[in-house]
């Protein structure tokens, strides 16, 4: 009997999960595992937690949902905590597994962990297989190799849309053969060195983790409200749950896949309408792909102050007080303040808000942009390593922005997008 471990990471779903489908097809018995990696709950060199309370809570909810869905198919989710290179091999030995299947990583720390696990498995004569499951376009289908991907998004987009195809989704398994798996045993927030923080009632949306909630959200945004048909016009909104898709948190943990969203969008277009707004969601998913492929191309350069351009930028001496005022929404600029308070109290901020507060951080405060990116890493429910660091590098002028210095006139932005101060009044009058 061939036994395989499926090591779940940021692919917490059963639909369109190639890793799971390949494991089932090549094995007799499956052990689904999730490892709480100690390093994900450390403090970073910038002084912030790698995973804050809001995202940890969302992760716990997602794992509860994954376990429930696995049990309906005859399996369940085994939870371990520690270093993956120690914990995964332990399970391999316990169950006499011959293969470990996992999602393929692109960013530096995650790839290092993957290599450490692989090396330990090699000693146990256990094979490691990984699959690329995070993007809309598969890396193998791109019209260029990773090293030749254009550094300007428009060039990447045009050629990719013209010459590459989007693969169809993998169907959800109907049965998984597993030994009896003990009831789900999750660490508490305290055991992860975190405190529970209730999300402020003014939050734009009540994010709850898990594949079930992700698909509910998609159905709401597409088929129940048809909000997708106005997405391009409303996406720069600031208040409420339906001005944008809000898929990002579920995408970040892989509770939903970009290809599944694409498949459902095509159904919507067939049933109702295809317009600029329905295309714009694909356009945004393509940006997400792009940052992931860029991370693969440039690796650690994305985390350096000079970015992959190796560009010297004017930065003030680090100032903890200015940094803290920015975090607390005490900058003297009401539009920046409102957005930063929303982020602090809810773990979410609109795309428009993110661009403004990052521009202010880089261009007005002239602080090292990586501190801003590291605070977002701690705070955001929808933190995704490639998109977060890619977007911050872009705004700092050391990433993929062909224009170089992306300066936002914040007063103008505030009057364009919050003309009647509805958003600012919501967050500044507590």
Foldseek 3Di string as FASTA:
>chain_A
DAEEEEEAFLALAQWLDVLVVVRQVVGDAYAYEYEAELQCQDQDPLGFGLAAQQQVQQVVLAQVQSQVVQVQQPYGYHYHYYQLLPVVVVVCVVVVHQEYEYADAQADVVVVSVVSNQVSVVVVNHYYYHDHRQAQFDQVFQPDHLQPQDLALVVRVVRRVVRGDGDAGHGGDNHHHYDDDDPDDDDDCVVSVHDHADFDPQAQDDDHHHLVVLVVLLCCQPPVPNLLVCQVVQQLAWHHNRSHSPSLLSSQSSSDHPNVSVVVLVVSCVVPNDDPSSVVVVVVSSVVVVLSSVCNNQHCQLLDLLRSQNHDDQADDDDPVCVVCQQCLNNPQLLSSLQSLNQQRHQDGGPLNVLQSLLCVCPVNRHRLNSVLSVNSHRHSSDHPRVSSQVSCCCNQNGSPPVRHDHDPVVVSCCVHVVVCPSSCSRVVD
